[in-house]
Amino acid sequence: MDVKKIVVIVEDVEIAKTALQWTLHNLLRYGDILILLHVFPITKSRSKKKLKILRLKGFQLALSFYDLCKKFLNTKTEIVVTQGDQDGGKIADVVREIGVSTVVAGLHDQSFLYRLAMTHNHIARNLNCKVVGIKQPTPPMATKTRTISFHDTSTNMDFSQIEIDALSVPEVNPPKIPYQVCPDPHSIIWRSGKSRRWET
């Protein structure tokens, strides 16, 4: 069995933790390596102290994800915290360098996958692996749509999108049982013709 490397993108949004939990329950196999990748933003400040604080916050966030992984036995988990752009370029570089088989990310309004889709024709080809986007269900009353338009191209979103929702079983009425007039066939007495009385 081939050992696969799976990257889960660590972000400070709830859907990122949902994506990790989905990966642990549905994608990770025994022996696979799970890599928690967090990219903190590039700052214009040249202060080493500010950079150190951002790196520390990113590592603490990744450790909170790591705590979820510890609940699963025999999970091999690695943490990568690095600085880079928020458009997915750094994530793509790290993913190609590590040589992963799948990237799992939580989809939200500021997700790097949307921005990466606008700048590259094929996300999966750019990352050189499968890409899975996990999306929280939207309430029926407040449905929002996100449209990504591409100029002069017929590109479509070439990553899988999975919507997490609770399974619901529809109510099933019990089948109607036809009323049985006489359940025992031997109790039916057939009389043919008129009854005759014998007179003596």
N, C-alpha and C. Protein backbone atom coordinates (compact mmCIF):
# COMPACT_ATOMS: atom_id res chain seq x y z
N MET A 1 0.85 -1.18 0.00
CA MET A 1 0.00 0.00 0.00
C MET A 1 0.89 1.24 0.00
N ASP A 2 0.63 2.15 -0.92
CA ASP A 2 1.40 3.39 -1.01
C ASP A 2 1.04 4.32 0.14
N VAL A 3 2.07 4.92 0.74
CA VAL A 3 1.84 5.93 1.77
C VAL A 3 1.58 7.25 1.07
N LYS A 4 0.46 7.86 1.40
CA LYS A 4 0.08 9.13 0.78
C LYS A 4 0.30 10.28 1.75
N LYS A 5 0.67 11.42 1.19
CA LYS A 5 0.79 12.64 1.98
C LYS A 5 -0.43 13.51 1.69
N ILE A 6 -1.14 13.88 2.73
CA ILE A 6 -2.35 14.69 2.59
C ILE A 6 -2.14 16.00 3.32
N VAL A 7 -2.35 17.11 2.64
CA VAL A 7 -2.20 18.43 3.25
C VAL A 7 -3.58 18.98 3.59
N VAL A 8 -3.74 19.45 4.82
CA VAL A 8 -4.94 20.18 5.23
C VAL A 8 -4.50 21.62 5.50
N ILE A 9 -5.18 22.56 4.87
CA ILE A 9 -4.84 23.98 5.03
C ILE A 9 -5.39 24.48 6.37
N VAL A 10 -4.50 25.02 7.19
CA VAL A 10 -4.86 25.53 8.52
C VAL A 10 -5.16 27.02 8.40
N GLU A 11 -6.40 27.37 8.75
CA GLU A 11 -6.83 28.78 8.73
C GLU A 11 -7.65 29.04 9.98
N ASP A 12 -7.76 30.29 10.35
CA ASP A 12 -8.49 30.66 11.55
C ASP A 12 -9.98 30.84 11.25
N VAL A 13 -10.59 29.81 10.67
CA VAL A 13 -12.02 29.78 10.38
C VAL A 13 -12.54 28.40 10.75
N GLU A 14 -13.80 28.33 11.14
CA GLU A 14 -14.37 27.07 11.61
C GLU A 14 -14.39 26.00 10.52
N ILE A 15 -14.62 26.41 9.27
CA ILE A 15 -14.71 25.44 8.17
C ILE A 15 -13.38 24.72 7.95
N ALA A 16 -12.26 25.34 8.33
CA ALA A 16 -10.96 24.68 8.20
C ALA A 16 -10.88 23.49 9.15
N LYS A 17 -11.43 23.65 10.36
CA LYS A 17 -11.45 22.51 11.31
C LYS A 17 -12.42 21.44 10.83
N THR A 18 -13.52 21.87 10.22
CA THR A 18 -14.46 20.91 9.65
C THR A 18 -13.79 20.11 8.54
N ALA A 19 -12.98 20.77 7.73
CA ALA A 19 -12.25 20.09 6.65
C ALA A 19 -11.28 19.07 7.23
N LEU A 20 -10.61 19.42 8.32
CA LEU A 20 -9.69 18.48 8.97
C LEU A 20 -10.44 17.27 9.50
N GLN A 21 -11.57 17.51 10.16
CA GLN A 21 -12.35 16.39 10.70
C GLN A 21 -12.86 15.49 9.58
N TRP A 22 -13.28 16.09 8.46
CA TRP A 22 -13.73 15.29 7.32
C TRP A 22 -12.59 14.44 6.80
N THR A 23 -11.39 15.02 6.74
CA THR A 23 -10.21 14.28 6.26
C THR A 23 -9.89 13.11 7.18
N LEU A 24 -9.92 13.35 8.48
CA LEU A 24 -9.61 12.29 9.44
C LEU A 24 -10.61 11.14 9.36
N HIS A 25 -11.88 11.46 9.12
CA HIS A 25 -12.92 10.43 9.09
C HIS A 25 -13.03 9.73 7.73
N ASN A 26 -12.73 10.44 6.64
CA ASN A 26 -13.06 9.91 5.32
C ASN A 26 -11.88 9.67 4.37
N LEU A 27 -10.78 10.34 4.58
CA LEU A 27 -9.70 10.29 3.59
C LEU A 27 -8.44 9.62 4.10
N LEU A 28 -8.11 9.83 5.35
CA LEU A 28 -6.85 9.34 5.90
C LEU A 28 -6.91 7.84 6.13
N ARG A 29 -5.87 7.15 5.64
CA ARG A 29 -5.76 5.71 5.85
C ARG A 29 -4.58 5.43 6.78
N TYR A 30 -4.53 4.21 7.26
CA TYR A 30 -3.42 3.81 8.14
C TYR A 30 -2.10 3.96 7.38
N GLY A 31 -1.15 4.65 7.99
CA GLY A 31 0.16 4.83 7.37
C GLY A 31 0.31 6.13 6.60
N ASP A 32 -0.80 6.77 6.24
CA ASP A 32 -0.72 8.05 5.52
C ASP A 32 -0.16 9.14 6.42
N ILE A 33 0.46 10.13 5.81
CA ILE A 33 1.02 11.25 6.55
C ILE A 33 0.13 12.47 6.35
N LEU A 34 -0.31 13.06 7.45
CA LEU A 34 -1.16 14.24 7.41
C LEU A 34 -0.29 15.46 7.70
N ILE A 35 -0.30 16.43 6.81
CA ILE A 35 0.50 17.63 6.96
C ILE A 35 -0.43 18.83 7.17
N LEU A 36 -0.29 19.49 8.30
CA LEU A 36 -1.07 20.70 8.60
C LEU A 36 -0.25 21.89 8.12
N LEU A 37 -0.75 22.57 7.09
CA LEU A 37 -0.01 23.68 6.47
C LEU A 37 -0.69 25.01 6.76
N HIS A 38 0.07 25.92 7.37
CA HIS A 38 -0.43 27.27 7.62
C HIS A 38 0.52 28.27 6.98
N VAL A 39 -0.05 29.18 6.19
CA VAL A 39 0.73 30.25 5.57
C VAL A 39 0.27 31.57 6.17
N PHE A 40 1.16 32.23 6.92
CA PHE A 40 0.79 33.52 7.49
C PHE A 40 1.20 34.62 6.52
N PRO A 41 0.49 35.77 6.54
CA PRO A 41 0.68 36.78 5.50
C PRO A 41 2.03 37.51 5.57
N ILE A 42 2.46 37.97 4.41
CA ILE A 42 3.66 38.79 4.31
C ILE A 42 3.31 40.18 4.83
N THR A 43 4.18 40.73 5.67
CA THR A 43 3.93 42.07 6.20
C THR A 43 4.92 43.07 5.59
N LYS A 44 4.48 44.31 5.50
CA LYS A 44 5.36 45.36 4.98
C LYS A 44 6.36 45.80 6.04
N SER A 45 6.04 45.51 7.29
CA SER A 45 6.93 45.90 8.38
C SER A 45 8.20 45.04 8.35
N ARG A 46 9.31 45.66 8.64
CA ARG A 46 10.58 44.92 8.67
C ARG A 46 10.92 44.47 10.09
N SER A 47 9.98 44.65 10.99
CA SER A 47 10.21 44.29 12.39
C SER A 47 10.28 42.77 12.55
N LYS A 48 11.38 42.30 13.08
CA LYS A 48 11.53 40.85 13.32
C LYS A 48 10.58 40.39 14.43
N LYS A 49 10.29 41.30 15.34
CA LYS A 49 9.39 40.96 16.44
C LYS A 49 7.99 40.67 15.92
N LYS A 50 7.50 41.50 15.00
CA LYS A 50 6.16 41.30 14.42
C LYS A 50 6.12 39.99 13.62
N LEU A 51 7.19 39.71 12.89
CA LEU A 51 7.28 38.47 12.12
C LEU A 51 7.26 37.26 13.05
N LYS A 52 7.98 37.38 14.16
CA LYS A 52 8.04 36.29 15.13
C LYS A 52 6.67 36.05 15.76
N ILE A 53 5.93 37.13 16.04
CA ILE A 53 4.59 37.01 16.62
C ILE A 53 3.64 36.32 15.64
N LEU A 54 3.71 36.71 14.36
CA LEU A 54 2.86 36.08 13.34
C LEU A 54 3.17 34.59 13.20
N ARG A 55 4.45 34.26 13.20
CA ARG A 55 4.86 32.85 13.11
C ARG A 55 4.36 32.06 14.32
N LEU A 56 4.48 32.67 15.51
CA LEU A 56 4.04 32.01 16.74
C LEU A 56 2.53 31.79 16.74
N LYS A 57 1.76 32.82 16.32
CA LYS A 57 0.30 32.67 16.24
C LYS A 57 -0.09 31.57 15.25
N GLY A 58 0.62 31.53 14.12
CA GLY A 58 0.36 30.47 13.13
C GLY A 58 0.65 29.09 13.68
N PHE A 59 1.74 28.97 14.43
CA PHE A 59 2.10 27.67 15.01
C PHE A 59 1.09 27.27 16.08
N GLN A 60 0.63 28.24 16.90
CA GLN A 60 -0.38 27.94 17.92
C GLN A 60 -1.69 27.50 17.28
N LEU A 61 -2.05 28.13 16.16
CA LEU A 61 -3.26 27.73 15.44
C LEU A 61 -3.11 26.31 14.90
N ALA A 62 -1.94 26.00 14.35
CA ALA A 62 -1.69 24.65 13.84
C ALA A 62 -1.72 23.62 14.97
N LEU A 63 -1.23 24.00 16.15
CA LEU A 63 -1.28 23.09 17.29
C LEU A 63 -2.71 22.79 17.73
N SER A 64 -3.62 23.77 17.59
CA SER A 64 -5.02 23.51 17.93
C SER A 64 -5.62 22.48 16.96
N PHE A 65 -5.17 22.49 15.71
CA PHE A 65 -5.60 21.48 14.74
C PHE A 65 -4.96 20.13 15.09
N TYR A 66 -3.71 20.18 15.52
CA TYR A 66 -2.99 18.96 15.89
C TYR A 66 -3.69 18.23 17.03
N ASP A 67 -4.28 19.01 17.96
CA ASP A 67 -5.02 18.40 19.07
C ASP A 67 -6.18 17.54 18.57
N LEU A 68 -6.82 17.96 17.48
CA LEU A 68 -7.91 17.16 16.90
C LEU A 68 -7.37 15.85 16.33
N CYS A 69 -6.15 15.89 15.79
CA CYS A 69 -5.54 14.70 15.19
C CYS A 69 -5.16 13.66 16.24
N LYS A 70 -4.83 14.12 17.45
CA LYS A 70 -4.38 13.20 18.50
C LYS A 70 -5.50 12.26 18.95
N LYS A 71 -6.75 12.63 18.66
CA LYS A 71 -7.87 11.78 19.04
C LYS A 71 -7.94 10.52 18.18
N PHE A 72 -7.24 10.54 17.05
CA PHE A 72 -7.22 9.39 16.15
C PHE A 72 -5.90 8.65 16.34
N LEU A 73 -5.98 7.38 16.68
CA LEU A 73 -4.79 6.59 16.93
C LEU A 73 -3.97 6.40 15.66
N ASN A 74 -2.67 6.30 15.84
CA ASN A 74 -1.72 6.02 14.75
C ASN A 74 -1.77 7.05 13.63
N THR A 75 -2.07 8.30 13.97
CA THR A 75 -2.08 9.35 12.95
C THR A 75 -0.70 10.02 12.92
N LYS A 76 -0.05 9.93 11.78
CA LYS A 76 1.25 10.59 11.61
C LYS A 76 0.99 12.00 11.12
N THR A 77 1.30 12.98 11.97
CA THR A 77 0.97 14.38 11.66
C THR A 77 2.23 15.24 11.69
N GLU A 78 2.36 16.08 10.69
CA GLU A 78 3.46 17.05 10.62
C GLU A 78 2.86 18.44 10.52
N ILE A 79 3.60 19.44 11.02
CA ILE A 79 3.13 20.83 10.97
C ILE A 79 4.13 21.65 10.16
N VAL A 80 3.62 22.41 9.20
CA VAL A 80 4.45 23.32 8.41
C VAL A 80 3.84 24.72 8.53
N VAL A 81 4.62 25.66 9.06
CA VAL A 81 4.18 27.05 9.18
C VAL A 81 5.19 27.89 8.41
N THR A 82 4.71 28.66 7.44
CA THR A 82 5.60 29.46 6.60
C THR A 82 4.94 30.78 6.24
N GLN A 83 5.73 31.71 5.76
CA GLN A 83 5.23 33.01 5.36
C GLN A 83 5.04 33.03 3.85
N GLY A 84 3.99 33.70 3.38
CA GLY A 84 3.76 33.78 1.95
C GLY A 84 2.53 34.57 1.60
N ASP A 85 2.25 34.62 0.30
CA ASP A 85 1.08 35.36 -0.18
C ASP A 85 -0.20 34.62 0.20
N GLN A 86 -1.31 35.33 0.20
CA GLN A 86 -2.60 34.76 0.56
C GLN A 86 -3.41 34.34 -0.67
N ASP A 87 -2.78 34.38 -1.84
CA ASP A 87 -3.46 34.01 -3.09
C ASP A 87 -3.21 32.56 -3.49
N GLY A 88 -2.50 31.82 -2.68
CA GLY A 88 -2.29 30.40 -2.96
C GLY A 88 -0.97 30.07 -3.62
N GLY A 89 -0.19 31.08 -3.99
CA GLY A 89 1.09 30.81 -4.64
C GLY A 89 2.06 30.06 -3.75
N LYS A 90 2.18 30.49 -2.49
CA LYS A 90 3.08 29.83 -1.55
C LYS A 90 2.59 28.43 -1.22
N ILE A 91 1.27 28.29 -1.07
CA ILE A 91 0.70 26.97 -0.80
C ILE A 91 1.03 26.02 -1.95
N ALA A 92 0.87 26.50 -3.19
CA ALA A 92 1.18 25.67 -4.35
C ALA A 92 2.65 25.26 -4.36
N ASP A 93 3.55 26.20 -4.03
CA ASP A 93 4.98 25.90 -3.99
C ASP A 93 5.30 24.81 -2.97
N VAL A 94 4.75 24.96 -1.76
CA VAL A 94 5.02 24.00 -0.69
C VAL A 94 4.44 22.63 -1.04
N VAL A 95 3.23 22.61 -1.59
CA VAL A 95 2.56 21.35 -1.95
C VAL A 95 3.36 20.60 -3.01
N ARG A 96 3.85 21.33 -4.01
CA ARG A 96 4.65 20.68 -5.07
C ARG A 96 5.98 20.19 -4.50
N GLU A 97 6.58 20.97 -3.61
CA GLU A 97 7.87 20.60 -3.03
C GLU A 97 7.76 19.34 -2.17
N ILE A 98 6.68 19.25 -1.38
CA ILE A 98 6.49 18.09 -0.51
C ILE A 98 6.09 16.86 -1.33
N GLY A 99 5.35 17.07 -2.41
CA GLY A 99 4.89 15.95 -3.24
C GLY A 99 3.68 15.25 -2.64
N VAL A 100 2.63 16.01 -2.37
CA VAL A 100 1.43 15.44 -1.74
C VAL A 100 0.49 14.86 -2.78
N SER A 101 -0.42 14.01 -2.32
CA SER A 101 -1.40 13.41 -3.23
C SER A 101 -2.71 14.18 -3.22
N THR A 102 -3.04 14.81 -2.06
CA THR A 102 -4.32 15.52 -1.94
C THR A 102 -4.17 16.75 -1.05
N VAL A 103 -4.83 17.83 -1.45
CA VAL A 103 -4.93 19.03 -0.61
C VAL A 103 -6.39 19.19 -0.23
N VAL A 104 -6.64 19.38 1.07
CA VAL A 104 -8.01 19.59 1.57
C VAL A 104 -8.06 20.97 2.19
N ALA A 105 -9.06 21.76 1.78
CA ALA A 105 -9.21 23.12 2.30
C ALA A 105 -10.67 23.40 2.57
N GLY A 106 -10.91 24.19 3.59
CA GLY A 106 -12.26 24.65 3.87
C GLY A 106 -12.59 25.84 2.98
N LEU A 107 -13.76 25.82 2.36
CA LEU A 107 -14.16 26.91 1.48
C LEU A 107 -14.91 27.98 2.26
N HIS A 108 -14.45 29.21 2.13
CA HIS A 108 -15.12 30.37 2.73
C HIS A 108 -14.92 31.54 1.78
N ASP A 109 -15.46 32.70 2.12
CA ASP A 109 -15.42 33.84 1.19
C ASP A 109 -14.02 34.25 0.79
N GLN A 110 -13.06 34.12 1.70
CA GLN A 110 -11.68 34.54 1.40
C GLN A 110 -10.76 33.35 1.09
N SER A 111 -11.32 32.22 0.72
CA SER A 111 -10.53 31.02 0.47
C SER A 111 -9.52 31.23 -0.66
N PHE A 112 -8.32 30.73 -0.47
CA PHE A 112 -7.28 30.87 -1.48
C PHE A 112 -7.64 30.13 -2.77
N LEU A 113 -8.50 29.12 -2.67
CA LEU A 113 -8.87 28.35 -3.86
C LEU A 113 -9.59 29.22 -4.89
N TYR A 114 -10.42 30.13 -4.42
CA TYR A 114 -11.13 31.03 -5.34
C TYR A 114 -10.14 31.94 -6.06
N ARG A 115 -9.20 32.49 -5.31
CA ARG A 115 -8.22 33.39 -5.92
C ARG A 115 -7.27 32.64 -6.85
N LEU A 116 -6.92 31.42 -6.45
CA LEU A 116 -6.05 30.59 -7.29
C LEU A 116 -6.75 30.22 -8.59
N ALA A 117 -8.07 29.99 -8.50
CA ALA A 117 -8.85 29.64 -9.70
C ALA A 117 -8.90 30.79 -10.70
N MET A 118 -8.84 32.03 -10.19
CA MET A 118 -8.89 33.18 -11.08
C MET A 118 -7.57 33.41 -11.82
N THR A 119 -6.48 32.96 -11.23
CA THR A 119 -5.17 33.21 -11.84
C THR A 119 -4.61 32.02 -12.60
N HIS A 120 -5.14 30.82 -12.34
CA HIS A 120 -4.64 29.61 -13.02
C HIS A 120 -5.80 28.87 -13.66
N ASN A 121 -5.54 28.32 -14.84
CA ASN A 121 -6.60 27.62 -15.57
C ASN A 121 -7.00 26.32 -14.89
N HIS A 122 -6.04 25.60 -14.36
CA HIS A 122 -6.34 24.31 -13.74
C HIS A 122 -5.69 24.25 -12.37
N ILE A 123 -6.50 24.29 -11.32
CA ILE A 123 -5.98 24.29 -9.96
C ILE A 123 -5.23 23.00 -9.67
N ALA A 124 -5.86 21.86 -9.98
CA ALA A 124 -5.24 20.58 -9.67
C ALA A 124 -3.92 20.40 -10.42
N ARG A 125 -3.85 20.89 -11.65
CA ARG A 125 -2.61 20.78 -12.42
C ARG A 125 -1.54 21.70 -11.84
N ASN A 126 -1.95 22.87 -11.37
CA ASN A 126 -1.01 23.81 -10.78
C ASN A 126 -0.44 23.26 -9.47
N LEU A 127 -1.28 22.62 -8.66
CA LEU A 127 -0.83 22.04 -7.40
C LEU A 127 -0.23 20.65 -7.58
N ASN A 128 -0.48 20.05 -8.74
CA ASN A 128 0.04 18.71 -9.07
C ASN A 128 -0.50 17.64 -8.12
N CYS A 129 -1.78 17.77 -7.74
CA CYS A 129 -2.42 16.79 -6.87
C CYS A 129 -3.94 17.00 -6.92
N LYS A 130 -4.66 16.12 -6.23
CA LYS A 130 -6.11 16.28 -6.11
C LYS A 130 -6.40 17.41 -5.12
N VAL A 131 -7.49 18.13 -5.35
CA VAL A 131 -7.88 19.22 -4.46
C VAL A 131 -9.33 18.99 -4.03
N VAL A 132 -9.55 19.01 -2.71
CA VAL A 132 -10.89 18.83 -2.17
C VAL A 132 -11.25 20.07 -1.36
N GLY A 133 -12.38 20.69 -1.72
CA GLY A 133 -12.87 21.85 -0.98
C GLY A 133 -14.08 21.47 -0.15
N ILE A 134 -14.01 21.71 1.14
CA ILE A 134 -15.11 21.37 2.05
C ILE A 134 -15.90 22.64 2.34
N LYS A 135 -17.21 22.56 2.17
CA LYS A 135 -18.06 23.73 2.32
C LYS A 135 -19.14 23.46 3.36
N GLN A 136 -19.36 24.44 4.24
CA GLN A 136 -20.44 24.33 5.21
C GLN A 136 -21.77 24.49 4.47
N PRO A 137 -22.84 23.83 4.96
CA PRO A 137 -24.13 24.03 4.31
C PRO A 137 -24.64 25.45 4.54
N THR A 138 -25.31 25.99 3.55
CA THR A 138 -25.86 27.33 3.69
C THR A 138 -27.31 27.23 4.13
N PRO A 139 -27.74 28.09 5.04
CA PRO A 139 -29.15 28.06 5.46
C PRO A 139 -30.05 28.32 4.25
N PRO A 140 -31.20 27.63 4.17
CA PRO A 140 -32.05 27.79 2.99
C PRO A 140 -32.55 29.22 2.78
N MET A 141 -32.73 29.99 3.85
CA MET A 141 -33.25 31.34 3.71
C MET A 141 -32.17 32.33 3.27
N ALA A 142 -30.92 32.02 3.58
CA ALA A 142 -29.85 32.97 3.29
C ALA A 142 -28.84 32.35 2.32
N THR A 143 -29.32 31.88 1.20
CA THR A 143 -28.44 31.25 0.23
C THR A 143 -27.66 32.32 -0.53
N LYS A 144 -26.34 32.20 -0.50
CA LYS A 144 -25.48 33.13 -1.21
C LYS A 144 -24.76 32.36 -2.31
N THR A 145 -24.61 32.98 -3.43
CA THR A 145 -23.88 32.33 -4.51
C THR A 145 -22.61 33.10 -4.78
N ARG A 146 -21.60 32.39 -5.18
CA ARG A 146 -20.33 33.01 -5.51
C ARG A 146 -20.01 32.65 -6.94
N THR A 147 -19.90 33.65 -7.78
CA THR A 147 -19.64 33.42 -9.19
C THR A 147 -18.21 33.82 -9.49
N ILE A 148 -17.52 32.94 -10.18
CA ILE A 148 -16.16 33.24 -10.62
C ILE A 148 -16.17 33.27 -12.13
N SER A 149 -15.84 34.40 -12.68
CA SER A 149 -15.86 34.52 -14.14
C SER A 149 -14.43 34.54 -14.67
N PHE A 150 -14.25 33.88 -15.79
CA PHE A 150 -12.96 33.83 -16.44
C PHE A 150 -13.10 34.50 -17.80
N HIS A 151 -12.16 35.36 -18.12
CA HIS A 151 -12.20 36.07 -19.39
C HIS A 151 -11.47 35.27 -20.46
N ASP A 152 -12.13 35.09 -21.59
CA ASP A 152 -11.53 34.42 -22.75
C ASP A 152 -11.02 33.02 -22.42
N THR A 153 -11.75 32.29 -21.62
CA THR A 153 -11.35 30.92 -21.34
C THR A 153 -12.59 30.10 -21.01
N SER A 154 -12.49 28.82 -21.22
CA SER A 154 -13.62 27.93 -20.91
C SER A 154 -13.30 27.11 -19.67
N THR A 155 -12.52 27.69 -18.77
CA THR A 155 -12.09 26.97 -17.57
C THR A 155 -13.25 26.80 -16.61
N ASN A 156 -13.30 25.63 -15.99
CA ASN A 156 -14.27 25.43 -14.92
C ASN A 156 -13.51 25.13 -13.65
N MET A 157 -14.21 25.14 -12.53
CA MET A 157 -13.56 24.88 -11.26
C MET A 157 -13.25 23.39 -11.19
N ASP A 158 -11.98 23.05 -11.28
CA ASP A 158 -11.61 21.65 -11.36
C ASP A 158 -11.16 21.10 -10.01
N PHE A 159 -11.87 21.47 -8.93
CA PHE A 159 -11.61 20.84 -7.65
C PHE A 159 -12.93 20.33 -7.10
N SER A 160 -12.85 19.28 -6.30
CA SER A 160 -14.05 18.68 -5.72
C SER A 160 -14.58 19.56 -4.61
N GLN A 161 -15.88 19.71 -4.55
CA GLN A 161 -16.50 20.49 -3.48
C GLN A 161 -17.47 19.59 -2.74
N ILE A 162 -17.28 19.48 -1.44
CA ILE A 162 -18.11 18.60 -0.64
C ILE A 162 -18.87 19.44 0.37
N GLU A 163 -20.17 19.27 0.45
CA GLU A 163 -20.98 20.04 1.39
C GLU A 163 -21.32 19.14 2.57
N ILE A 164 -20.95 19.61 3.76
CA ILE A 164 -21.22 18.86 4.98
C ILE A 164 -22.64 19.15 5.43
N ASP A 165 -23.43 18.12 5.62
CA ASP A 165 -24.80 18.30 6.08
C ASP A 165 -25.23 17.05 6.82
N ALA A 166 -26.15 17.20 7.72
CA ALA A 166 -26.67 16.04 8.45
C ALA A 166 -27.59 15.25 7.55
N LEU A 167 -27.48 13.93 7.65
CA LEU A 167 -28.39 13.09 6.88
C LEU A 167 -29.75 13.09 7.54
N SER A 168 -30.78 13.18 6.73
CA SER A 168 -32.12 13.13 7.29
C SER A 168 -32.90 12.03 6.59
N VAL A 169 -33.60 11.28 7.39
CA VAL A 169 -34.40 10.18 6.85
C VAL A 169 -35.84 10.67 6.73
N PRO A 170 -36.43 10.56 5.54
CA PRO A 170 -37.81 11.04 5.40
C PRO A 170 -38.77 10.15 6.19
N GLU A 171 -39.84 10.77 6.63
CA GLU A 171 -40.85 10.01 7.36
C GLU A 171 -41.55 9.06 6.41
N VAL A 172 -41.67 7.83 6.84
CA VAL A 172 -42.34 6.82 6.03
C VAL A 172 -43.55 6.35 6.81
N ASN A 173 -44.71 6.53 6.19
CA ASN A 173 -45.94 6.05 6.83
C ASN A 173 -45.98 4.53 6.74
N PRO A 174 -46.47 3.88 7.79
CA PRO A 174 -46.55 2.43 7.73
C PRO A 174 -47.47 2.00 6.59
N PRO A 175 -47.12 0.90 5.92
CA PRO A 175 -47.96 0.46 4.80
C PRO A 175 -49.36 0.07 5.26
N LYS A 176 -50.33 0.35 4.41
CA LYS A 176 -51.71 -0.01 4.74
C LYS A 176 -51.88 -1.51 4.57
N ILE A 177 -52.46 -2.12 5.58
CA ILE A 177 -52.71 -3.56 5.53
C ILE A 177 -54.18 -3.73 5.16
N PRO A 178 -54.43 -4.44 4.05
CA PRO A 178 -55.84 -4.60 3.66
C PRO A 178 -56.63 -5.36 4.74
N TYR A 179 -57.82 -4.89 4.95
CA TYR A 179 -58.67 -5.52 5.95
C TYR A 179 -59.08 -6.90 5.48
N GLN A 180 -58.88 -7.88 6.36
CA GLN A 180 -59.26 -9.25 6.00
C GLN A 180 -60.63 -9.55 6.60
N VAL A 181 -61.56 -9.88 5.72
CA VAL A 181 -62.92 -10.17 6.18
C VAL A 181 -62.94 -11.46 6.97
N CYS A 182 -62.30 -12.45 6.41
CA CYS A 182 -62.29 -13.74 7.09
C CYS A 182 -60.90 -14.33 6.92
N PRO A 183 -60.06 -14.21 7.95
CA PRO A 183 -58.68 -14.64 7.78
C PRO A 183 -58.50 -16.14 7.62
N ASP A 184 -59.41 -16.95 8.11
CA ASP A 184 -59.26 -18.40 8.02
C ASP A 184 -60.11 -18.93 6.88
N PRO A 185 -59.47 -19.46 5.81
CA PRO A 185 -60.27 -19.91 4.65
C PRO A 185 -61.14 -21.12 4.96
N HIS A 186 -60.83 -21.89 6.01
CA HIS A 186 -61.63 -23.08 6.34
C HIS A 186 -62.92 -22.73 7.06
N SER A 187 -63.03 -21.52 7.50
CA SER A 187 -64.25 -21.15 8.22
C SER A 187 -65.34 -20.66 7.28
N ILE A 188 -65.04 -20.60 5.98
CA ILE A 188 -66.06 -20.16 5.04
C ILE A 188 -66.92 -21.36 4.65
N ILE A 189 -68.21 -21.21 4.78
CA ILE A 189 -69.15 -22.27 4.41
C ILE A 189 -69.92 -21.78 3.20
N TRP A 190 -69.84 -22.59 2.18
CA TRP A 190 -70.55 -22.23 0.96
C TRP A 190 -71.83 -23.04 0.90
N ARG A 191 -72.89 -22.37 0.55
CA ARG A 191 -74.16 -23.08 0.34
C ARG A 191 -74.60 -22.78 -1.06
N SER A 192 -74.89 -23.77 -1.77
CA SER A 192 -75.37 -23.56 -3.13
C SER A 192 -76.84 -23.95 -3.21
N GLY A 193 -77.60 -23.19 -3.91
CA GLY A 193 -79.03 -23.48 -4.08
C GLY A 193 -79.84 -23.17 -2.83
N LYS A 194 -81.12 -23.38 -2.92
CA LYS A 194 -81.99 -23.14 -1.78
C LYS A 194 -81.99 -24.34 -0.87
N SER A 195 -82.16 -24.06 0.37
CA SER A 195 -82.19 -25.15 1.32
C SER A 195 -83.55 -25.85 1.21
N ARG A 196 -83.56 -27.15 1.32
CA ARG A 196 -84.80 -27.91 1.22
C ARG A 196 -85.19 -28.43 2.59
N ARG A 197 -86.46 -28.36 2.86
CA ARG A 197 -86.95 -28.94 4.09
C ARG A 197 -87.69 -30.24 3.75
N TRP A 198 -87.38 -31.19 4.46
CA TRP A 198 -88.01 -32.50 4.24
C TRP A 198 -89.21 -32.61 5.18
N GLU A 199 -90.31 -32.82 4.56
CA GLU A 199 -91.52 -32.98 5.35
C GLU A 199 -91.91 -34.44 5.42
N THR A 200 -92.34 -34.84 6.54
CA THR A 200 -92.79 -36.22 6.67
C THR A 200 -94.21 -36.30 7.09
